[in-house]
Protein backbone atom coordinates (compact mmCIF):
# COMPACT_ATOMS: atom_id res chain seq x y z
CA UNK A 1 100.09 128.93 106.37
CA UNK A 2 103.17 129.20 104.21
CA UNK A 3 103.62 126.78 101.38
CA UNK A 4 106.77 125.41 100.18
CA UNK A 5 107.75 124.25 96.73
CA UNK A 6 111.02 122.13 97.20
CA UNK A 7 113.46 120.69 94.60
CA UNK A 8 113.95 117.17 95.73
CA UNK A 9 117.52 117.21 94.49
CA UNK A 10 118.41 119.87 96.94
CA UNK A 11 115.74 120.00 99.68
CA UNK A 12 117.01 116.88 101.60
CA UNK A 13 120.70 117.74 101.99
CA UNK A 14 122.06 117.65 105.56
CA UNK A 15 124.95 120.10 104.71
CA UNK A 16 124.37 123.29 102.72
CA UNK A 17 127.42 124.91 101.27
CA UNK A 18 127.82 128.61 100.90
CA UNK A 19 130.33 130.98 99.30
CA UNK A 20 134.03 130.08 99.60
CA UNK A 21 136.27 131.61 102.20
CA UNK A 22 137.77 133.98 99.50
CA UNK A 23 134.57 135.49 98.91
CA UNK A 24 134.37 137.98 101.83
CA UNK A 25 131.16 139.96 100.56
CA UNK A 26 129.28 136.67 99.66
CA UNK A 27 130.29 135.19 103.01
CA UNK A 28 129.17 138.19 104.97
CA UNK A 29 125.82 138.09 103.28
CA UNK A 30 125.58 134.34 104.12
CA UNK A 31 126.37 134.90 107.78
CA UNK A 32 123.86 137.66 108.11
CA UNK A 33 121.24 135.50 106.71
CA UNK A 34 121.96 132.43 108.82
CA UNK A 35 123.44 133.89 111.88
CA UNK A 36 125.17 131.58 114.23
CA UNK A 37 124.02 128.49 112.17
CA UNK A 38 126.75 129.31 109.78
CA UNK A 39 130.35 128.26 110.11
CA UNK A 40 133.47 127.85 108.12
CA UNK A 41 134.30 124.27 107.27
CA UNK A 42 137.10 122.32 105.48
CA UNK A 43 135.91 119.44 103.22
CA UNK A 44 137.73 116.46 101.94
CA UNK A 45 138.40 118.07 98.61
CA UNK A 46 140.41 120.89 100.23
CA UNK A 47 137.79 123.45 99.81
CA UNK A 48 136.84 125.91 102.77
CA UNK A 49 133.43 127.34 102.59
CA UNK A 50 130.73 128.74 104.62
CA UNK A 51 128.45 125.91 105.79
CA UNK A 52 125.10 125.38 107.28
CA UNK A 53 124.49 121.82 108.93
CA UNK A 54 121.02 120.49 109.67
CA UNK A 55 121.10 117.88 112.26
CA UNK A 56 117.84 116.28 111.20
CA UNK A 57 119.25 114.93 107.98
CA UNK A 58 119.75 111.20 109.12
CA UNK A 59 118.93 108.79 106.57
CA UNK A 60 115.39 107.63 106.56
CA UNK A 61 112.11 109.51 106.72
CA UNK A 62 113.30 112.14 108.98
CA UNK A 63 115.33 113.73 106.08
CA UNK A 64 112.07 115.01 104.83
CA UNK A 65 111.81 117.35 107.83
CA UNK A 66 114.80 119.27 106.66
CA UNK A 67 112.87 121.73 104.50
CA UNK A 68 110.37 122.50 107.18
CA UNK A 69 113.25 123.17 109.63
CA UNK A 70 115.00 125.48 107.29
CA UNK A 71 111.75 127.52 106.71
CA UNK A 72 111.02 127.58 110.47
CA UNK A 73 114.52 128.77 111.24
CA UNK A 74 114.45 131.37 108.51
CA UNK A 75 111.11 132.80 109.64
CA UNK A 76 112.05 132.95 113.25
CA UNK A 77 115.38 134.70 112.58
CA UNK A 78 114.15 137.37 110.22
CA UNK A 79 110.47 137.96 111.61
CA UNK A 80 111.19 137.85 115.29
CA UNK A 81 108.82 140.66 116.41
CA UNK A 82 105.85 139.46 114.60
CA UNK A 83 106.28 135.79 114.55
CA UNK A 84 105.01 134.17 117.77
CA UNK A 85 105.16 130.63 116.84
CA UNK A 86 106.21 128.68 113.87
CA UNK A 87 106.01 124.86 113.38
CA UNK A 88 106.21 122.77 110.24
CA UNK A 89 103.17 120.86 109.32
CA UNK A 90 102.85 117.13 108.21
CA UNK A 91 105.74 116.00 110.51
CA UNK A 92 103.55 113.90 112.53
CA UNK A 93 103.77 111.03 109.98
CA UNK A 94 107.52 110.66 110.62
CA UNK A 95 107.25 108.50 113.74
CA UNK A 96 104.81 106.26 111.78
CA UNK A 97 107.25 105.80 108.98
CA UNK A 98 110.06 105.06 111.32
CA UNK A 99 108.03 102.48 113.24
CA UNK A 100 108.62 104.37 116.63
CA UNK A 101 104.97 104.10 117.60
CA UNK A 102 104.50 102.37 120.85
CA UNK A 103 101.85 99.52 121.04
CA UNK A 104 100.14 97.25 123.56
CA UNK A 105 103.14 94.99 123.89
CA UNK A 106 105.41 97.81 124.94
CA UNK A 107 107.55 100.54 123.26
CA UNK A 108 108.91 99.72 119.96
CA UNK A 109 112.38 98.75 119.39
CA UNK A 110 114.84 101.13 117.45
CA UNK A 111 114.59 100.03 113.78
CA UNK A 112 117.26 100.75 111.23
CA UNK A 113 115.83 102.96 108.45
CA UNK A 114 115.39 101.74 104.96
CA UNK A 115 115.71 97.89 105.66
CA UNK A 116 119.43 98.02 105.18
CA UNK A 117 119.98 95.12 107.66
CA UNK A 118 117.58 92.80 105.71
CA UNK A 119 119.31 93.66 102.36
CA UNK A 120 122.73 92.96 103.81
CA UNK A 121 121.41 89.77 105.18
CA UNK A 122 120.16 88.79 101.65
CA UNK A 123 123.59 89.80 100.27
CA UNK A 124 125.27 87.53 102.59
CA UNK A 125 123.05 84.63 101.72
CA UNK A 126 123.67 85.30 98.02
CA UNK A 127 127.51 85.33 98.59
CA UNK A 128 127.39 82.07 100.43
CA UNK A 129 125.27 80.25 97.82
CA UNK A 130 127.23 81.68 94.78
CA UNK A 131 130.47 80.40 96.43
CA UNK A 132 129.23 76.83 96.86
CA UNK A 133 131.30 74.34 94.94
CA UNK A 134 130.15 71.72 92.42
CA UNK A 135 130.55 68.93 95.00
CA UNK A 136 128.09 70.67 97.42
CA UNK A 137 125.71 71.89 94.73
CA UNK A 138 125.70 70.40 91.21
CA UNK A 139 124.24 73.45 89.63
CA UNK A 140 125.74 76.78 90.42
CA UNK A 141 123.62 79.57 91.97
CA UNK A 142 123.78 82.58 89.79
CA UNK A 143 121.89 85.19 91.76
CA UNK A 144 119.06 85.74 94.40
CA UNK A 145 116.40 88.23 93.51
CA UNK A 146 113.85 89.66 96.06
CA UNK A 147 110.20 89.55 95.00
CA UNK A 148 109.30 92.20 97.43
CA UNK A 149 110.16 96.01 97.69
CA UNK A 150 110.02 95.84 101.45
CA UNK A 151 113.72 94.89 101.28
CA UNK A 152 114.44 98.29 99.94
CA UNK A 153 112.45 100.09 102.58
CA UNK A 154 109.04 100.19 100.61
CA UNK A 155 107.04 98.07 103.04
CA UNK A 156 104.13 99.27 105.15
CA UNK A 157 106.17 98.64 108.34
CA UNK A 158 110.01 98.68 108.42
CA UNK A 159 111.85 95.43 108.53
CA UNK A 160 113.10 94.65 112.04
CA UNK A 161 115.49 91.92 113.15
CA UNK A 162 113.62 89.50 115.31
CA UNK A 163 115.45 88.38 118.50
CA UNK A 164 114.81 84.73 117.77
CA UNK A 165 115.75 84.56 114.06
CA UNK A 166 119.21 83.99 114.56
CA UNK A 167 121.28 80.75 114.12
CA UNK A 168 121.67 80.74 117.98
CA UNK A 169 118.53 82.49 119.23
CA UNK A 170 119.85 82.10 123.01
CA UNK A 171 122.16 85.12 122.34
CA UNK A 172 120.79 88.40 123.77
CA UNK A 173 119.83 90.28 120.61
CA UNK A 174 117.09 92.48 121.90
CA UNK A 175 117.59 96.27 122.25
CA UNK A 176 118.38 98.07 125.39
CA UNK A 177 115.67 98.33 128.09
CA UNK A 178 114.12 101.54 128.76
CA UNK A 179 112.53 102.88 131.84
CA UNK A 180 108.85 103.63 132.04
CA UNK A 181 106.95 106.44 133.87
CA UNK A 182 107.25 104.50 137.07
CA UNK A 183 111.02 104.08 136.79
CA UNK A 184 111.02 100.41 136.11
CA UNK A 185 112.62 98.86 133.15
CA UNK A 186 110.45 98.08 130.28
CA UNK A 187 111.55 95.71 127.63
CA UNK A 188 111.25 96.56 124.06
CA UNK A 189 108.45 95.04 121.93
CA UNK A 190 108.96 91.74 120.02
CA UNK A 191 106.74 91.15 117.19
CA UNK A 192 104.62 87.97 117.61
CA UNK A 193 104.80 87.07 113.80
CA UNK A 194 107.93 87.09 111.75
CA UNK A 195 107.02 87.60 108.04
CA UNK A 196 109.16 85.76 105.49
CA UNK A 197 111.03 87.78 102.82
CA UNK A 198 110.65 85.99 99.49
CA UNK A 199 113.22 85.70 97.01
CA UNK A 200 113.88 83.46 93.87
CA UNK A 201 117.03 81.62 93.21
CA UNK A 202 118.38 81.65 89.66
CA UNK A 203 120.46 78.63 88.87
CA UNK A 204 122.81 77.93 86.12
CA UNK A 205 121.20 76.93 82.87
CA UNK A 206 121.29 73.15 82.27
CA UNK A 207 119.56 70.87 79.63
CA UNK A 208 119.46 67.98 82.15
CA UNK A 209 116.35 68.93 83.89
CA UNK A 210 113.71 66.29 83.33
CA UNK A 211 110.73 66.71 81.19
CA UNK A 212 108.26 65.34 83.75
CA UNK A 213 106.89 67.97 86.00
CA UNK A 214 106.74 65.87 89.05
CA UNK A 215 110.37 64.71 88.55
CA UNK A 216 111.40 68.31 88.11
CA UNK A 217 109.90 69.26 91.62
CA UNK A 218 111.39 66.29 93.20
CA UNK A 219 114.81 67.36 91.78
CA UNK A 220 114.23 71.05 93.17
CA UNK A 221 113.37 69.42 96.49
CA UNK A 222 116.74 67.65 96.37
CA UNK A 223 118.52 70.93 95.71
CA UNK A 224 116.87 72.58 98.69
CA UNK A 225 118.00 69.73 100.77
CA UNK A 226 121.61 70.32 99.62
CA UNK A 227 121.45 74.15 100.23
CA UNK A 228 120.06 73.43 103.90
CA UNK A 229 122.91 70.95 104.49
CA UNK A 230 125.48 73.57 103.31
CA UNK A 231 124.05 76.28 105.54
CA UNK A 232 123.58 74.13 108.75
CA UNK A 233 126.93 72.48 108.12
CA UNK A 234 128.98 75.79 107.85
CA UNK A 235 129.78 77.89 110.95
CA UNK A 236 130.63 80.76 108.80
CA UNK A 237 127.18 81.06 107.25
CA UNK A 238 125.63 82.46 110.41
CA UNK A 239 122.20 80.87 109.13
CA UNK A 240 119.83 78.09 109.95
CA UNK A 241 117.96 76.45 106.97
CA UNK A 242 115.04 74.19 106.78
CA UNK A 243 114.16 72.60 103.42
CA UNK A 244 110.60 72.10 102.37
CA UNK A 245 109.04 70.57 99.28
CA UNK A 246 108.84 73.70 97.26
CA UNK A 247 110.92 76.26 99.10
CA UNK A 248 113.94 76.60 101.40
CA UNK A 249 113.45 78.81 104.69
CA UNK A 250 116.55 80.52 106.08
CA UNK A 251 116.88 82.34 109.45
CA UNK A 252 119.76 84.75 109.56
CA UNK A 253 120.78 87.96 111.29
CA UNK A 254 117.21 88.39 112.58
CA UNK A 255 115.38 87.88 109.33
CA UNK A 256 113.55 84.91 107.82
CA UNK A 257 113.90 84.35 104.02
CA UNK A 258 111.89 82.16 101.99
CA UNK A 259 113.93 80.98 98.81
CA UNK A 260 112.30 79.42 95.87
CA UNK A 261 114.02 78.02 92.63
CA UNK A 262 112.89 79.83 89.51
CA UNK A 263 112.86 77.57 86.39
CA UNK A 264 110.87 78.70 83.39
CA UNK A 265 110.88 74.95 82.05
CA UNK A 266 108.32 74.21 84.93
CA UNK A 267 106.02 77.00 83.64
CA UNK A 268 106.25 75.63 80.07
CA UNK A 269 105.59 72.19 81.08
CA UNK A 270 102.50 73.19 83.07
CA UNK A 271 101.07 75.16 80.08
CA UNK A 272 101.79 72.03 77.68
CA UNK A 273 99.79 69.96 80.20
CA UNK A 274 96.80 72.32 80.06
CA UNK A 275 97.35 73.55 83.64
CA UNK A 276 97.40 77.25 82.66
CA UNK A 277 96.06 78.74 86.01
CA UNK A 278 98.73 77.04 87.92
CA UNK A 279 101.42 78.13 85.45
CA UNK A 280 100.18 81.77 85.62
CA UNK A 281 100.31 81.79 89.40
CA UNK A 282 103.85 80.51 89.60
CA UNK A 283 105.14 82.83 86.86
CA UNK A 284 103.43 85.78 88.61
CA UNK A 285 104.46 84.99 92.17
CA UNK A 286 108.26 84.41 91.11
CA UNK A 287 109.33 85.95 87.79
CA UNK A 288 106.85 88.91 87.39
CA UNK A 289 107.14 89.86 91.18
CA UNK A 290 110.92 90.05 90.94
CA UNK A 291 110.72 92.03 87.82
CA UNK A 292 108.03 94.40 89.26
CA UNK A 293 110.17 94.98 92.47
CA UNK A 294 113.32 95.93 90.27
CA UNK A 295 111.16 98.47 88.37
CA UNK A 296 109.69 100.13 91.49
CA UNK A 297 113.01 100.24 93.20
CA UNK A 298 114.64 101.79 90.18
CA UNK A 299 111.89 104.39 90.05
CA UNK A 300 112.22 105.11 93.79
CA UNK A 301 115.89 106.13 93.13
CA UNK A 302 114.69 108.70 90.56
CA UNK A 303 112.07 110.20 92.91
CA UNK A 304 113.37 110.67 96.58
CA UNK A 305 109.79 110.95 97.95
CA UNK A 306 108.38 107.79 96.10
CA UNK A 307 109.57 105.29 98.72
CA UNK A 308 108.03 106.91 101.75
CA UNK A 309 104.78 107.68 99.73
CA UNK A 310 104.44 103.95 98.94
CA UNK A 311 104.69 103.20 102.69
CA UNK A 312 102.09 105.79 103.55
CA UNK A 313 99.86 104.53 100.79
CA UNK A 314 100.05 100.85 102.11
CA UNK A 315 99.36 102.10 105.76
CA UNK A 316 96.44 104.20 104.56
CA UNK A 317 95.09 101.04 102.64
CA UNK A 318 95.44 98.80 105.75
CA UNK A 319 93.62 101.44 107.96
CA UNK A 320 90.74 101.56 105.42
CA UNK A 321 90.56 97.68 105.38
CA UNK A 322 91.36 97.70 101.66
CA UNK A 323 94.75 95.63 101.84
CA UNK A 324 92.75 92.65 100.48
CA UNK A 325 91.30 94.77 97.69
CA UNK A 326 94.58 96.38 96.55
CA UNK A 327 97.60 94.30 96.35
CA UNK A 328 101.09 95.75 97.36
CA UNK A 329 101.99 95.75 93.47
CA UNK A 330 98.93 97.49 92.67
CA UNK A 331 99.48 100.25 95.20
CA UNK A 332 103.14 100.72 94.06
CA UNK A 333 102.03 101.14 90.46
CA UNK A 334 99.30 103.74 91.42
CA UNK A 335 101.89 105.63 93.62
CA UNK A 336 104.47 105.41 90.78
CA UNK A 337 101.90 106.84 88.30
CA UNK A 338 101.62 109.99 90.41
CA UNK A 339 105.43 110.56 90.06
CA UNK A 340 105.80 109.35 86.40
CA UNK A 341 102.69 111.11 85.09
CA UNK A 342 102.41 114.22 87.38
CA UNK A 343 101.05 116.85 84.88
CA UNK A 344 100.02 119.61 85.03
CA UNK A 345 101.93 119.59 88.34
CA UNK A 346 105.45 118.62 89.08
CA UNK A 347 106.34 115.42 90.72
CA UNK A 348 105.64 115.38 94.43
CA UNK A 349 108.52 116.50 96.59
CA UNK A 350 107.56 115.19 99.94
CA UNK A 351 105.76 111.94 101.21
CA UNK A 352 102.90 114.06 102.23
CA UNK A 353 102.55 115.62 98.88
CA UNK A 354 102.77 112.20 97.34
CA UNK A 355 99.98 110.84 99.73
CA UNK A 356 97.63 113.65 98.69
CA UNK A 357 98.26 113.20 95.01
CA UNK A 358 97.57 109.35 95.47
CA UNK A 359 94.31 109.80 97.26
CA UNK A 360 93.30 112.38 94.66
CA UNK A 361 94.22 109.72 91.84
CA UNK A 362 91.95 107.21 93.54
CA UNK A 363 88.96 109.50 93.18
CA UNK A 364 89.30 109.54 89.41
CA UNK A 365 89.26 105.79 89.14
CA UNK A 366 85.56 105.15 87.97
CA UNK A 367 85.09 101.58 87.06
CA UNK A 368 81.88 102.40 85.07
CA UNK A 369 83.77 105.03 82.92
CA UNK A 370 87.14 105.50 81.33
CA UNK A 371 88.75 106.06 84.71
CA UNK A 372 89.14 102.42 85.54
CA UNK A 373 92.43 102.06 83.75
CA UNK A 374 95.79 103.72 83.75
CA UNK A 375 98.90 103.20 81.52
CA UNK A 376 101.95 103.41 83.64
CA UNK A 377 105.29 104.09 81.94
CA UNK A 378 107.55 102.11 84.38
CA UNK A 379 110.59 99.92 83.60
CA UNK A 380 113.81 98.92 85.27
CA UNK A 381 115.91 100.68 82.72
CA UNK A 382 113.89 103.85 82.60
CA UNK A 383 113.35 103.64 78.86
CA UNK A 384 109.98 105.68 77.99
CA UNK A 385 107.28 103.95 76.11
CA UNK A 386 106.87 104.53 72.44
CA UNK A 387 103.57 105.96 71.13
CA UNK A 388 102.61 102.68 69.44
CA UNK A 389 103.29 100.68 72.56
CA UNK A 390 101.19 103.25 74.66
CA UNK A 391 98.13 102.96 72.38
CA UNK A 392 98.50 99.18 72.41
CA UNK A 393 98.29 99.08 76.16
CA UNK A 394 95.34 101.42 75.99
CA UNK A 395 93.50 99.13 73.69
CA UNK A 396 94.29 95.91 75.33
CA UNK A 397 93.39 97.38 78.75
CA UNK A 398 90.07 98.80 77.55
CA UNK A 399 89.31 95.45 76.17
CA UNK A 400 90.18 93.65 79.45
CA UNK A 401 87.66 96.04 81.31
CA UNK A 402 84.99 95.50 78.77
CA UNK A 403 85.13 91.75 78.99
CA UNK A 404 85.10 92.03 82.98
CA UNK A 405 88.58 90.61 83.30
CA UNK A 406 89.41 93.33 85.79
CA UNK A 407 87.70 96.43 87.29
CA UNK A 408 91.00 98.32 87.37
CA UNK A 409 93.82 97.85 84.79
CA UNK A 410 97.38 99.05 85.46
CA UNK A 411 98.93 98.62 82.13
CA UNK A 412 102.81 98.57 81.83
CA UNK A 413 105.37 97.78 79.13
CA UNK A 414 105.64 94.14 80.62
CA UNK A 415 101.83 93.77 81.35
CA UNK A 416 100.04 95.41 78.40
CA UNK A 417 96.48 94.50 79.39
CA UNK A 418 97.14 95.75 82.92
CA UNK A 419 95.40 92.78 84.68
CA UNK A 420 98.41 91.02 86.29
CA UNK A 421 97.97 92.50 89.66
CA UNK A 422 94.16 93.49 89.47
CA UNK A 423 92.44 90.33 88.00
CA UNK A 424 91.32 89.03 91.29
CA UNK A 425 90.74 92.25 93.13
CA UNK A 426 89.52 95.04 93.53
CA UNK A 427 85.92 94.46 92.59
CA UNK A 428 83.79 97.08 91.18
CA UNK A 429 82.16 97.59 94.48
CA UNK A 430 85.50 98.05 96.20
CA UNK A 431 86.80 100.36 93.36
CA UNK A 432 83.61 102.58 93.66
CA UNK A 433 84.23 102.75 97.47
């Protein structure tokens, strides 16, 4: 078994550049090592260099197979007499991440990697709502913020356009049919349930909101009706909308979005009325989820393997029947901790290494001892925590565990006690498991 220590900034490149054409000695050595794989190429900047192209470098999980392919090619080329067979390990997880595992309802459809189609659909909704004039919507829409990381390709399963979630579902949107073993055409699988992608709507600040909580909610419902009328009345929107009392459901480009207006005045009014639990739930499901998603996505951009590791961790939790014990947000923070605080090792360079590090971390979480809490230095701007803030998080999290507010605490700069995503679950029994 040959182990590889990879540098994530270089290991996933589809094209490796060698010496320039003027360097005859360097070019000769490069060609001797790579053989027929090497070729001269001209690039857009005018440079001509020796180049090696790895065809497995498509965007998505398959890019992590490049390092194994490079090692396999090198070993077979330079050890041909002694090497009978070489194959990279750990590639069996790639079809799982790509969503190409066939099921009982037939073969899976081709799914764009990373949820790009869903993100583009949300951008289209944002542009449409932001461009609405004052006659259509009294308060201007400033932005839409997703409250889930699945939109950035960090969900347990890749987001796939549904053939019925279009403005005109009668159009043939399904993928191409394929032939089965008997030669007959087999239609691609269509999921039976279409999950909604949650996002919050940030409206323009206004002092005209009523001070009565029920009146404020009725006014928000009226805004949802105006938005639905705008979507349904415009042929260019490409969306069908249904207004509810507390949300707006939009079907567009194969995806279902559930939009909710975020108004911090509502939370303040609920707390003034003594309805603290209701205010906490609303604030957590809207503001804090959007803030958390932004932090995780920003961290995933720093570490190339983090996104796929998060997806593997969610799949693992589901296979162990632990999805109800560990929320998506808690799993994302645990995986992020493996990358942000990897010492004494380096941050994981592949999803498989990240999953192994995540499972190893779970074995250290002892609810009866000091291992039931972590301080995770994660923020959207990437600024490190100060020593004073770190100690404050440690003290508040230890106090929360001592008073049985949570068996597991995941403290962050925005959640110093670390109970926001773990106050309801996991229990001490589940954590010991």
